[in-house]
């Protein structure tokens, strides 16, 4: 930097060396036999002991094993894949499945009773560490997490910001309306936080 300033002050023409072509970076070194940890699509921590993501597959199993999960909360109605069931069984992970259709219609009803039942599972710390997921980790998962945030007394603007962070261009007004109108008065906890 000083050399460039001195050259400019002296009226000399600056000679810039030709850049070398970019080389691909080598893969990071791994210990012999160490598993590569690949998180599922849209993975994030929601709160202490609560995570969210899209549908995990075999490439994500080592990552999920490292979380020491006790439970998985699946929001998809389709039968859980055999490989995933085998993984859960082999690792002593309990599956809670609440089949919510992946609505694409703008005015489709989100089943409030199902969201309430799913939230009861999330609020029970005996199920933690817990992973909440749907297909892409956007809409159904976003609605459950958004309703949890209402229980945690987040303001709606922050709830919607978090929802849109995961849903991006696919954010649905109907999901946000559902979260806004979701009644938390029937839940016993006034503030649901699992942070320790």
N, C-alpha and C. Protein backbone atom coordinates (compact mmCIF):
# COMPACT_ATOMS: atom_id res chain seq x y z
N UNK A 1 0.84 -1.18 0.00
CA UNK A 1 0.00 0.00 0.00
C UNK A 1 0.89 1.25 0.00
N UNK A 2 1.95 1.26 0.85
CA UNK A 2 2.85 2.41 0.90
C UNK A 2 3.59 2.55 -0.42
N UNK A 3 4.01 1.44 -1.02
CA UNK A 3 4.72 1.46 -2.30
C UNK A 3 3.85 2.10 -3.38
N UNK A 4 2.54 1.75 -3.40
CA UNK A 4 1.63 2.32 -4.39
C UNK A 4 1.49 3.83 -4.18
N UNK A 5 1.41 4.28 -2.93
CA UNK A 5 1.26 5.70 -2.64
C UNK A 5 2.51 6.47 -3.05
N UNK A 6 3.69 5.92 -2.79
CA UNK A 6 4.95 6.57 -3.15
C UNK A 6 5.07 6.68 -4.67
N UNK A 7 4.67 5.61 -5.40
CA UNK A 7 4.75 5.63 -6.86
C UNK A 7 3.82 6.69 -7.42
N UNK A 8 2.64 6.81 -6.86
CA UNK A 8 1.68 7.80 -7.33
C UNK A 8 2.17 9.21 -7.04
N UNK A 9 2.78 9.42 -5.86
CA UNK A 9 3.28 10.74 -5.47
C UNK A 9 4.44 11.16 -6.36
N UNK A 10 5.26 10.22 -6.78
CA UNK A 10 6.42 10.53 -7.61
C UNK A 10 6.03 10.65 -9.08
N UNK A 11 4.78 10.41 -9.42
CA UNK A 11 4.33 10.53 -10.80
C UNK A 11 4.72 9.33 -11.64
N UNK A 12 5.16 8.28 -11.00
CA UNK A 12 5.53 7.07 -11.73
C UNK A 12 4.29 6.26 -12.05
N UNK A 13 4.39 5.54 -13.16
CA UNK A 13 3.30 4.68 -13.54
C UNK A 13 3.38 3.40 -12.72
N UNK A 14 2.28 3.02 -12.15
CA UNK A 14 2.25 1.83 -11.29
C UNK A 14 2.19 0.58 -12.17
N UNK A 15 3.03 -0.38 -11.88
CA UNK A 15 3.04 -1.64 -12.60
C UNK A 15 2.33 -2.67 -11.74
N UNK A 16 1.25 -3.19 -12.28
CA UNK A 16 0.47 -4.18 -11.54
C UNK A 16 0.77 -5.55 -12.15
N UNK A 17 1.24 -6.48 -11.31
CA UNK A 17 1.53 -7.81 -11.86
C UNK A 17 0.24 -8.49 -12.32
N UNK A 18 0.39 -9.30 -13.36
CA UNK A 18 -0.75 -10.01 -13.92
C UNK A 18 -1.24 -11.05 -12.91
N UNK A 19 -2.53 -11.11 -12.70
CA UNK A 19 -3.10 -12.03 -11.71
C UNK A 19 -3.03 -13.46 -12.22
N UNK A 20 -2.74 -14.36 -11.30
CA UNK A 20 -2.73 -15.79 -11.64
C UNK A 20 -4.17 -16.27 -11.70
N UNK A 21 -4.44 -17.24 -12.57
CA UNK A 21 -5.81 -17.77 -12.61
C UNK A 21 -6.15 -18.44 -11.28
N UNK A 22 -7.41 -18.32 -10.89
CA UNK A 22 -7.86 -18.90 -9.62
C UNK A 22 -7.75 -20.42 -9.68
N UNK A 23 -7.26 -20.99 -8.59
CA UNK A 23 -7.17 -22.44 -8.48
C UNK A 23 -8.23 -22.92 -7.51
N UNK A 24 -8.84 -24.06 -7.77
CA UNK A 24 -9.83 -24.56 -6.80
C UNK A 24 -9.14 -24.90 -5.49
N UNK A 25 -9.86 -24.64 -4.40
CA UNK A 25 -9.32 -24.95 -3.07
C UNK A 25 -9.37 -26.46 -2.85
N UNK A 26 -8.37 -26.99 -2.19
CA UNK A 26 -8.41 -28.42 -1.88
C UNK A 26 -9.47 -28.67 -0.81
N UNK A 27 -10.00 -29.89 -0.76
CA UNK A 27 -10.98 -30.18 0.29
C UNK A 27 -10.32 -30.06 1.66
N UNK A 28 -11.10 -29.70 2.70
CA UNK A 28 -10.51 -29.57 4.02
C UNK A 28 -10.00 -30.92 4.50
N UNK A 29 -8.91 -30.91 5.24
CA UNK A 29 -8.38 -32.18 5.73
C UNK A 29 -9.33 -32.79 6.76
N UNK A 30 -9.47 -34.10 6.72
CA UNK A 30 -10.30 -34.79 7.70
C UNK A 30 -9.47 -35.88 8.35
N UNK A 31 -9.79 -36.16 9.57
CA UNK A 31 -9.10 -37.24 10.27
C UNK A 31 -9.50 -38.56 9.63
N UNK A 32 -8.61 -39.49 9.67
CA UNK A 32 -8.89 -40.79 9.06
C UNK A 32 -10.16 -41.38 9.66
N UNK A 33 -11.09 -41.73 8.80
CA UNK A 33 -12.34 -42.34 9.26
C UNK A 33 -13.36 -41.35 9.77
N UNK A 34 -13.06 -40.06 9.80
CA UNK A 34 -14.02 -39.07 10.30
C UNK A 34 -15.13 -38.87 9.27
N UNK A 35 -16.35 -38.77 9.77
CA UNK A 35 -17.49 -38.56 8.88
C UNK A 35 -17.60 -37.09 8.51
N UNK A 36 -18.01 -36.83 7.29
CA UNK A 36 -18.26 -35.47 6.85
C UNK A 36 -19.67 -35.12 7.33
N UNK A 37 -19.80 -33.99 8.02
CA UNK A 37 -21.08 -33.59 8.58
C UNK A 37 -21.78 -32.63 7.63
N UNK A 38 -22.91 -33.07 7.10
CA UNK A 38 -23.68 -32.27 6.15
C UNK A 38 -25.06 -31.99 6.75
N UNK A 39 -25.36 -30.73 7.08
CA UNK A 39 -26.68 -30.44 7.65
C UNK A 39 -27.76 -30.54 6.59
N UNK A 40 -29.00 -30.82 7.02
CA UNK A 40 -30.11 -30.83 6.06
C UNK A 40 -30.37 -29.42 5.52
N UNK A 41 -31.07 -29.35 4.42
CA UNK A 41 -31.46 -28.08 3.81
C UNK A 41 -32.16 -27.21 4.85
N UNK A 42 -31.87 -25.91 4.84
CA UNK A 42 -32.51 -24.93 5.73
C UNK A 42 -32.34 -25.24 7.21
N UNK A 43 -31.25 -25.89 7.59
CA UNK A 43 -31.02 -26.22 8.99
C UNK A 43 -30.70 -24.96 9.79
N UNK A 44 -31.25 -24.88 10.99
CA UNK A 44 -30.93 -23.79 11.92
C UNK A 44 -31.34 -24.19 13.33
N UNK A 45 -30.73 -23.53 14.29
CA UNK A 45 -31.13 -23.70 15.69
C UNK A 45 -32.27 -22.72 15.96
N UNK A 46 -33.33 -23.22 16.57
CA UNK A 46 -34.48 -22.38 16.92
C UNK A 46 -34.29 -21.85 18.34
N UNK A 47 -33.93 -22.74 19.24
CA UNK A 47 -33.70 -22.41 20.64
C UNK A 47 -32.86 -23.54 21.21
N UNK A 48 -32.49 -23.42 22.46
CA UNK A 48 -31.69 -24.47 23.08
C UNK A 48 -32.43 -25.80 22.98
N UNK A 49 -31.85 -26.78 22.30
CA UNK A 49 -32.45 -28.10 22.18
C UNK A 49 -33.52 -28.23 21.11
N UNK A 50 -33.75 -27.19 20.32
CA UNK A 50 -34.76 -27.24 19.26
C UNK A 50 -34.12 -26.76 17.96
N UNK A 51 -34.23 -27.59 16.91
CA UNK A 51 -33.66 -27.30 15.61
C UNK A 51 -34.75 -27.39 14.55
N UNK A 52 -34.49 -26.83 13.37
CA UNK A 52 -35.42 -26.88 12.25
C UNK A 52 -34.65 -27.19 10.98
N UNK A 53 -35.35 -27.76 10.00
CA UNK A 53 -34.68 -28.05 8.72
C UNK A 53 -35.71 -28.52 7.70
N UNK A 54 -35.18 -28.79 6.50
CA UNK A 54 -35.94 -29.50 5.48
C UNK A 54 -35.81 -30.99 5.75
N UNK A 55 -36.36 -31.81 4.87
CA UNK A 55 -36.38 -33.26 5.06
C UNK A 55 -34.96 -33.82 5.03
N UNK A 56 -34.50 -34.46 6.10
CA UNK A 56 -33.15 -35.02 6.08
C UNK A 56 -33.09 -36.30 5.26
N UNK A 57 -31.92 -36.54 4.67
CA UNK A 57 -31.72 -37.80 3.95
C UNK A 57 -30.43 -38.45 4.47
N UNK A 58 -30.03 -39.54 3.84
CA UNK A 58 -28.89 -40.33 4.34
C UNK A 58 -27.61 -39.50 4.43
N UNK A 59 -27.44 -38.52 3.56
CA UNK A 59 -26.23 -37.67 3.61
C UNK A 59 -26.18 -36.83 4.89
N UNK A 60 -27.32 -36.65 5.55
CA UNK A 60 -27.38 -35.82 6.76
C UNK A 60 -27.33 -36.63 8.05
N UNK A 61 -27.32 -37.94 7.98
CA UNK A 61 -27.43 -38.76 9.18
C UNK A 61 -26.27 -38.55 10.15
N UNK A 62 -25.05 -38.42 9.65
CA UNK A 62 -23.91 -38.21 10.56
C UNK A 62 -24.05 -36.88 11.29
N UNK A 63 -24.52 -35.87 10.58
CA UNK A 63 -24.75 -34.56 11.20
C UNK A 63 -25.81 -34.68 12.29
N UNK A 64 -26.92 -35.33 11.98
CA UNK A 64 -28.00 -35.48 12.96
C UNK A 64 -27.55 -36.29 14.16
N UNK A 65 -26.73 -37.30 13.93
CA UNK A 65 -26.21 -38.11 15.03
C UNK A 65 -25.40 -37.23 15.98
N UNK A 66 -24.66 -36.27 15.44
CA UNK A 66 -23.85 -35.37 16.27
C UNK A 66 -24.70 -34.45 17.14
N UNK A 67 -25.97 -34.27 16.80
CA UNK A 67 -26.86 -33.43 17.61
C UNK A 67 -27.41 -34.17 18.82
N UNK A 68 -27.25 -35.48 18.87
CA UNK A 68 -27.75 -36.32 19.96
C UNK A 68 -29.26 -36.12 20.16
N UNK A 69 -29.99 -36.16 19.03
CA UNK A 69 -31.43 -35.94 19.07
C UNK A 69 -32.14 -37.01 19.88
N UNK A 70 -33.20 -36.58 20.56
CA UNK A 70 -34.12 -37.51 21.22
C UNK A 70 -35.37 -37.70 20.37
N UNK A 71 -35.72 -36.64 19.60
CA UNK A 71 -36.97 -36.68 18.86
C UNK A 71 -36.85 -35.96 17.52
N UNK A 72 -37.68 -36.42 16.59
CA UNK A 72 -37.86 -35.75 15.30
C UNK A 72 -39.35 -35.50 15.15
N UNK A 73 -39.69 -34.28 14.79
CA UNK A 73 -41.08 -33.88 14.56
C UNK A 73 -41.23 -33.62 13.06
N UNK A 74 -41.90 -34.55 12.37
CA UNK A 74 -42.09 -34.44 10.93
C UNK A 74 -43.48 -33.90 10.65
N UNK A 75 -43.58 -32.90 9.79
CA UNK A 75 -44.84 -32.25 9.48
C UNK A 75 -45.41 -32.67 8.12
N UNK A 76 -44.85 -33.73 7.53
CA UNK A 76 -45.30 -34.22 6.22
C UNK A 76 -46.26 -35.39 6.41
N UNK A 77 -47.30 -35.50 5.55
CA UNK A 77 -48.26 -36.60 5.70
C UNK A 77 -47.80 -37.93 5.10
N UNK A 78 -46.83 -37.90 4.22
CA UNK A 78 -46.37 -39.13 3.55
C UNK A 78 -45.71 -40.07 4.56
N UNK A 79 -45.75 -41.37 4.30
CA UNK A 79 -45.05 -42.32 5.18
C UNK A 79 -43.56 -41.96 5.27
N UNK A 80 -43.02 -42.08 6.47
CA UNK A 80 -41.61 -41.74 6.68
C UNK A 80 -40.75 -42.78 5.96
N UNK A 81 -39.73 -42.35 5.20
CA UNK A 81 -38.91 -43.30 4.43
C UNK A 81 -38.24 -44.35 5.32
N UNK A 82 -38.13 -45.57 4.80
CA UNK A 82 -37.55 -46.67 5.55
C UNK A 82 -36.14 -46.35 6.05
N UNK A 83 -35.32 -45.72 5.21
CA UNK A 83 -33.94 -45.40 5.61
C UNK A 83 -33.94 -44.46 6.81
N UNK A 84 -34.87 -43.51 6.83
CA UNK A 84 -34.96 -42.57 7.96
C UNK A 84 -35.47 -43.28 9.22
N UNK A 85 -36.45 -44.16 9.04
CA UNK A 85 -36.97 -44.91 10.19
C UNK A 85 -35.86 -45.78 10.78
N UNK A 86 -35.09 -46.43 9.92
CA UNK A 86 -33.97 -47.26 10.39
C UNK A 86 -32.95 -46.42 11.15
N UNK A 87 -32.64 -45.23 10.62
CA UNK A 87 -31.70 -44.33 11.30
C UNK A 87 -32.23 -43.94 12.67
N UNK A 88 -33.48 -43.55 12.75
CA UNK A 88 -34.07 -43.15 14.04
C UNK A 88 -34.03 -44.31 15.02
N UNK A 89 -34.44 -45.46 14.57
CA UNK A 89 -34.47 -46.64 15.44
C UNK A 89 -33.06 -46.98 15.94
N UNK A 90 -32.08 -46.96 15.05
CA UNK A 90 -30.70 -47.31 15.42
C UNK A 90 -30.11 -46.31 16.42
N UNK A 91 -30.63 -45.09 16.44
CA UNK A 91 -30.08 -44.06 17.32
C UNK A 91 -31.01 -43.70 18.49
N UNK A 92 -32.06 -44.49 18.68
CA UNK A 92 -32.97 -44.27 19.81
C UNK A 92 -33.70 -42.94 19.74
N UNK A 93 -34.05 -42.51 18.53
CA UNK A 93 -34.74 -41.23 18.32
C UNK A 93 -36.22 -41.50 18.08
N UNK A 94 -37.05 -40.79 18.82
CA UNK A 94 -38.50 -40.95 18.69
C UNK A 94 -39.03 -40.08 17.56
N UNK A 95 -39.96 -40.63 16.78
CA UNK A 95 -40.57 -39.90 15.67
C UNK A 95 -41.98 -39.46 16.06
N UNK A 96 -42.25 -38.17 15.93
CA UNK A 96 -43.59 -37.61 16.04
C UNK A 96 -43.94 -37.13 14.64
N UNK A 97 -45.04 -37.61 14.11
CA UNK A 97 -45.41 -37.20 12.75
C UNK A 97 -46.81 -36.61 12.76
N UNK A 98 -46.89 -35.37 12.29
CA UNK A 98 -48.15 -34.66 12.16
C UNK A 98 -48.32 -34.31 10.69
N UNK A 99 -49.17 -35.06 10.03
CA UNK A 99 -49.33 -34.89 8.59
C UNK A 99 -50.09 -33.63 8.23
N UNK A 100 -49.36 -32.64 7.78
CA UNK A 100 -49.97 -31.40 7.28
C UNK A 100 -49.67 -31.34 5.79
N UNK A 101 -50.71 -31.23 4.98
CA UNK A 101 -50.50 -31.15 3.54
C UNK A 101 -49.71 -29.89 3.20
N UNK A 102 -48.88 -29.99 2.18
CA UNK A 102 -48.10 -28.84 1.71
C UNK A 102 -48.96 -27.99 0.79
N UNK A 103 -49.74 -27.11 1.38
CA UNK A 103 -50.68 -26.29 0.61
C UNK A 103 -49.97 -25.33 -0.31
N UNK A 104 -50.48 -25.24 -1.53
CA UNK A 104 -49.98 -24.24 -2.46
C UNK A 104 -51.07 -23.25 -2.82
N UNK A 105 -52.28 -23.57 -2.41
CA UNK A 105 -53.40 -22.67 -2.67
C UNK A 105 -53.29 -21.46 -1.74
N UNK A 106 -53.60 -20.27 -2.22
CA UNK A 106 -53.44 -19.09 -1.37
C UNK A 106 -54.40 -19.02 -0.20
N UNK A 107 -55.56 -19.71 -0.27
CA UNK A 107 -56.52 -19.59 0.81
C UNK A 107 -56.80 -20.94 1.47
N UNK A 108 -55.87 -21.86 1.40
CA UNK A 108 -56.02 -23.16 2.04
C UNK A 108 -55.90 -22.98 3.55
N UNK A 109 -56.68 -23.76 4.28
CA UNK A 109 -56.65 -23.66 5.74
C UNK A 109 -55.51 -24.47 6.32
N UNK A 110 -54.78 -23.87 7.22
CA UNK A 110 -53.73 -24.57 7.96
C UNK A 110 -54.43 -25.17 9.17
N UNK A 111 -54.25 -26.46 9.43
CA UNK A 111 -54.98 -27.10 10.53
C UNK A 111 -54.46 -26.66 11.91
N UNK A 112 -55.20 -25.76 12.54
CA UNK A 112 -54.76 -25.18 13.82
C UNK A 112 -54.60 -26.24 14.90
N UNK A 113 -55.50 -27.22 14.95
CA UNK A 113 -55.40 -28.27 15.97
C UNK A 113 -54.10 -29.06 15.82
N UNK A 114 -53.71 -29.33 14.59
CA UNK A 114 -52.48 -30.07 14.34
C UNK A 114 -51.27 -29.26 14.77
N UNK A 115 -51.28 -27.96 14.48
CA UNK A 115 -50.17 -27.09 14.90
C UNK A 115 -50.10 -27.07 16.43
N UNK A 116 -51.24 -27.02 17.10
CA UNK A 116 -51.26 -27.03 18.57
C UNK A 116 -50.65 -28.32 19.13
N UNK A 117 -51.01 -29.46 18.52
CA UNK A 117 -50.46 -30.74 18.98
C UNK A 117 -48.95 -30.79 18.74
N UNK A 118 -48.51 -30.29 17.60
CA UNK A 118 -47.08 -30.26 17.31
C UNK A 118 -46.34 -29.36 18.32
N UNK A 119 -46.95 -28.23 18.65
CA UNK A 119 -46.33 -27.33 19.63
C UNK A 119 -46.20 -27.98 21.01
N UNK A 120 -47.18 -28.80 21.39
CA UNK A 120 -47.09 -29.50 22.68
C UNK A 120 -45.86 -30.39 22.72
N UNK A 121 -45.55 -31.03 21.59
CA UNK A 121 -44.34 -31.87 21.52
C UNK A 121 -43.10 -31.00 21.65
N UNK A 122 -43.09 -29.86 20.95
CA UNK A 122 -41.93 -28.95 21.00
C UNK A 122 -41.72 -28.40 22.41
N UNK A 123 -42.80 -28.07 23.09
CA UNK A 123 -42.70 -27.45 24.42
C UNK A 123 -42.29 -28.43 25.51
N UNK A 124 -42.44 -29.72 25.27
CA UNK A 124 -42.08 -30.73 26.26
C UNK A 124 -40.58 -30.99 26.19
N UNK A 125 -39.84 -30.47 27.15
CA UNK A 125 -38.37 -30.58 27.09
C UNK A 125 -37.87 -32.02 27.21
N UNK A 126 -38.75 -32.94 27.59
CA UNK A 126 -38.35 -34.35 27.61
C UNK A 126 -38.08 -34.86 26.20
N UNK A 127 -38.60 -34.14 25.19
CA UNK A 127 -38.39 -34.52 23.78
C UNK A 127 -37.13 -33.89 23.19
N UNK A 128 -36.45 -33.06 23.95
CA UNK A 128 -35.26 -32.34 23.45
C UNK A 128 -34.00 -33.18 23.65
N UNK A 129 -33.04 -32.98 22.80
CA UNK A 129 -32.98 -32.20 21.57
C UNK A 129 -33.94 -32.74 20.51
N UNK A 130 -34.57 -31.82 19.79
CA UNK A 130 -35.63 -32.14 18.85
C UNK A 130 -35.40 -31.42 17.53
N UNK A 131 -35.69 -32.11 16.43
CA UNK A 131 -35.62 -31.51 15.10
C UNK A 131 -37.02 -31.43 14.53
N UNK A 132 -37.44 -30.22 14.11
CA UNK A 132 -38.72 -30.00 13.43
C UNK A 132 -38.41 -29.92 11.94
N UNK A 133 -39.15 -30.69 11.13
CA UNK A 133 -38.91 -30.56 9.69
C UNK A 133 -40.15 -30.85 8.88
N UNK A 134 -40.15 -30.32 7.66
CA UNK A 134 -41.14 -30.66 6.64
C UNK A 134 -40.31 -30.95 5.39
N UNK A 135 -40.86 -30.77 4.20
CA UNK A 135 -40.08 -31.07 2.99
C UNK A 135 -38.90 -30.13 2.80
N UNK A 136 -39.16 -28.83 2.78
CA UNK A 136 -38.12 -27.85 2.50
C UNK A 136 -37.74 -27.01 3.72
N UNK A 137 -38.45 -27.16 4.82
CA UNK A 137 -38.15 -26.38 6.03
C UNK A 137 -38.60 -24.94 5.92
N UNK A 138 -39.63 -24.69 5.11
CA UNK A 138 -40.07 -23.32 4.87
C UNK A 138 -41.43 -23.03 5.47
N UNK A 139 -42.49 -23.61 4.92
CA UNK A 139 -43.86 -23.20 5.25
C UNK A 139 -44.42 -23.87 6.49
N UNK A 140 -44.54 -25.18 6.46
CA UNK A 140 -45.10 -25.88 7.62
C UNK A 140 -44.21 -25.71 8.84
N UNK A 141 -42.91 -25.92 8.64
CA UNK A 141 -41.97 -25.70 9.74
C UNK A 141 -42.00 -24.24 10.17
N UNK A 142 -42.07 -23.34 9.21
CA UNK A 142 -42.12 -21.91 9.52
C UNK A 142 -43.33 -21.54 10.35
N UNK A 143 -44.48 -22.17 10.08
CA UNK A 143 -45.69 -21.88 10.85
C UNK A 143 -45.56 -22.38 12.30
N UNK A 144 -45.02 -23.60 12.47
CA UNK A 144 -44.83 -24.11 13.84
C UNK A 144 -43.85 -23.23 14.60
N UNK A 145 -42.74 -22.88 13.97
CA UNK A 145 -41.75 -22.03 14.64
C UNK A 145 -42.33 -20.64 14.89
N UNK A 146 -43.09 -20.10 13.95
CA UNK A 146 -43.70 -18.79 14.14
C UNK A 146 -44.66 -18.78 15.32
N UNK A 147 -45.44 -19.85 15.47
CA UNK A 147 -46.36 -19.94 16.62
C UNK A 147 -45.59 -20.11 17.93
N UNK A 148 -44.49 -20.85 17.87
CA UNK A 148 -43.62 -20.95 19.05
C UNK A 148 -43.09 -19.56 19.43
N UNK A 149 -42.71 -18.79 18.43
CA UNK A 149 -42.20 -17.43 18.70
C UNK A 149 -43.27 -16.56 19.36
N UNK A 150 -44.53 -16.76 18.98
CA UNK A 150 -45.61 -16.01 19.66
C UNK A 150 -45.63 -16.37 21.14
N UNK A 151 -45.47 -17.67 21.44
CA UNK A 151 -45.42 -18.11 22.83
C UNK A 151 -44.22 -17.50 23.56
N UNK A 152 -43.16 -17.25 22.82
CA UNK A 152 -41.96 -16.64 23.40
C UNK A 152 -42.06 -15.13 23.45
N UNK A 153 -43.22 -14.61 23.07
CA UNK A 153 -43.51 -13.17 23.11
C UNK A 153 -42.68 -12.34 22.14
N UNK A 154 -42.34 -12.93 20.99
CA UNK A 154 -41.68 -12.16 19.94
C UNK A 154 -42.72 -11.23 19.31
N UNK A 155 -42.28 -10.09 18.83
CA UNK A 155 -43.19 -9.21 18.09
C UNK A 155 -43.42 -9.81 16.70
N UNK A 156 -44.57 -9.49 16.11
CA UNK A 156 -44.92 -10.05 14.80
C UNK A 156 -43.91 -9.72 13.72
N UNK A 157 -43.35 -8.51 13.76
CA UNK A 157 -42.36 -8.14 12.74
C UNK A 157 -41.17 -9.08 12.77
N UNK A 158 -40.71 -9.45 13.96
CA UNK A 158 -39.57 -10.37 14.07
C UNK A 158 -39.95 -11.78 13.66
N UNK A 159 -41.17 -12.20 14.00
CA UNK A 159 -41.65 -13.53 13.60
C UNK A 159 -41.70 -13.61 12.07
N UNK A 160 -42.23 -12.58 11.44
CA UNK A 160 -42.34 -12.58 9.98
C UNK A 160 -40.97 -12.49 9.32
N UNK A 161 -40.06 -11.73 9.91
CA UNK A 161 -38.70 -11.65 9.36
C UNK A 161 -38.03 -13.02 9.36
N UNK A 162 -38.17 -13.74 10.48
CA UNK A 162 -37.57 -15.07 10.55
C UNK A 162 -38.23 -16.00 9.53
N UNK A 163 -39.55 -15.95 9.44
CA UNK A 163 -40.28 -16.79 8.48
C UNK A 163 -39.79 -16.51 7.05
N UNK A 164 -39.70 -15.23 6.69
CA UNK A 164 -39.28 -14.87 5.33
C UNK A 164 -37.81 -15.22 5.08
N UNK A 165 -37.01 -15.26 6.11
CA UNK A 165 -35.60 -15.64 5.96
C UNK A 165 -35.50 -17.07 5.40
N UNK A 166 -36.40 -17.95 5.81
CA UNK A 166 -36.38 -19.33 5.35
C UNK A 166 -37.24 -19.53 4.11
N UNK A 167 -38.37 -18.85 4.03
CA UNK A 167 -39.28 -19.03 2.89
C UNK A 167 -38.83 -18.23 1.68
N UNK A 168 -38.09 -17.15 1.90
CA UNK A 168 -37.57 -16.28 0.84
C UNK A 168 -38.67 -15.89 -0.13
N UNK A 169 -38.44 -16.07 -1.43
CA UNK A 169 -39.40 -15.64 -2.45
C UNK A 169 -40.69 -16.44 -2.39
N UNK A 170 -40.69 -17.57 -1.68
CA UNK A 170 -41.88 -18.42 -1.59
C UNK A 170 -42.72 -18.11 -0.35
N UNK A 171 -42.45 -16.99 0.33
CA UNK A 171 -43.22 -16.62 1.53
C UNK A 171 -44.70 -16.49 1.16
N UNK A 172 -45.56 -16.98 2.04
CA UNK A 172 -47.00 -16.96 1.79
C UNK A 172 -47.70 -16.05 2.78
N UNK A 173 -48.52 -15.19 2.27
CA UNK A 173 -49.32 -14.30 3.11
C UNK A 173 -50.23 -15.12 4.02
N UNK A 174 -50.77 -16.25 3.50
CA UNK A 174 -51.67 -17.08 4.31
C UNK A 174 -50.95 -17.65 5.54
N UNK A 175 -49.67 -18.02 5.40
CA UNK A 175 -48.89 -18.50 6.56
C UNK A 175 -48.74 -17.39 7.60
N UNK A 176 -48.43 -16.19 7.12
CA UNK A 176 -48.23 -15.07 8.04
C UNK A 176 -49.54 -14.68 8.72
N UNK A 177 -50.64 -14.75 7.99
CA UNK A 177 -51.96 -14.47 8.59
C UNK A 177 -52.28 -15.51 9.65
N UNK A 178 -51.94 -16.78 9.37
CA UNK A 178 -52.19 -17.85 10.34
C UNK A 178 -51.41 -17.57 11.62
N UNK A 179 -50.13 -17.23 11.50
CA UNK A 179 -49.31 -16.96 12.68
C UNK A 179 -49.86 -15.77 13.46
N UNK A 180 -50.26 -14.74 12.74
CA UNK A 180 -50.79 -13.54 13.40
C UNK A 180 -52.06 -13.85 14.19
N UNK A 181 -52.93 -14.69 13.63
CA UNK A 181 -54.22 -14.98 14.27
C UNK A 181 -54.16 -16.15 15.25
N UNK A 182 -53.04 -16.85 15.32
CA UNK A 182 -52.91 -18.02 16.20
C UNK A 182 -53.08 -17.58 17.66
N UNK A 183 -54.02 -18.22 18.36
CA UNK A 183 -54.34 -17.87 19.74
C UNK A 183 -53.47 -18.68 20.70
N UNK A 184 -52.65 -17.99 21.45
CA UNK A 184 -51.74 -18.67 22.38
C UNK A 184 -52.30 -18.74 23.80
N UNK A 185 -53.50 -18.20 24.02
CA UNK A 185 -54.03 -18.10 25.39
C UNK A 185 -54.28 -19.45 26.05
N UNK A 186 -54.47 -20.51 25.25
CA UNK A 186 -54.74 -21.82 25.83
C UNK A 186 -53.48 -22.53 26.33
N UNK A 187 -52.32 -22.01 25.97
CA UNK A 187 -51.07 -22.62 26.43
C UNK A 187 -50.74 -22.12 27.83
N UNK A 188 -50.27 -23.03 28.67
CA UNK A 188 -50.00 -22.70 30.07
C UNK A 188 -48.75 -21.86 30.25
N UNK A 189 -47.78 -22.04 29.38
CA UNK A 189 -46.53 -21.29 29.53
C UNK A 189 -46.72 -19.88 29.01
N UNK A 190 -46.34 -18.92 29.81
CA UNK A 190 -46.45 -17.53 29.35
C UNK A 190 -45.26 -17.14 28.48
N UNK A 191 -44.15 -17.80 28.71
CA UNK A 191 -42.97 -17.53 27.89
C UNK A 191 -42.20 -18.84 27.71
N UNK A 192 -42.21 -19.36 26.50
CA UNK A 192 -41.56 -20.64 26.23
C UNK A 192 -40.14 -20.41 25.75
N UNK A 193 -39.20 -20.59 26.63
CA UNK A 193 -37.80 -20.52 26.25
C UNK A 193 -37.08 -21.69 26.87
N UNK A 194 -36.22 -22.28 26.11
CA UNK A 194 -35.51 -23.46 26.58
C UNK A 194 -34.05 -23.16 26.87
N UNK A 195 -33.65 -21.90 26.75
CA UNK A 195 -32.25 -21.51 26.96
C UNK A 195 -31.85 -21.81 28.39
N UNK A 196 -30.64 -22.27 28.51
CA UNK A 196 -30.13 -22.61 29.86
C UNK A 196 -28.88 -21.84 30.15
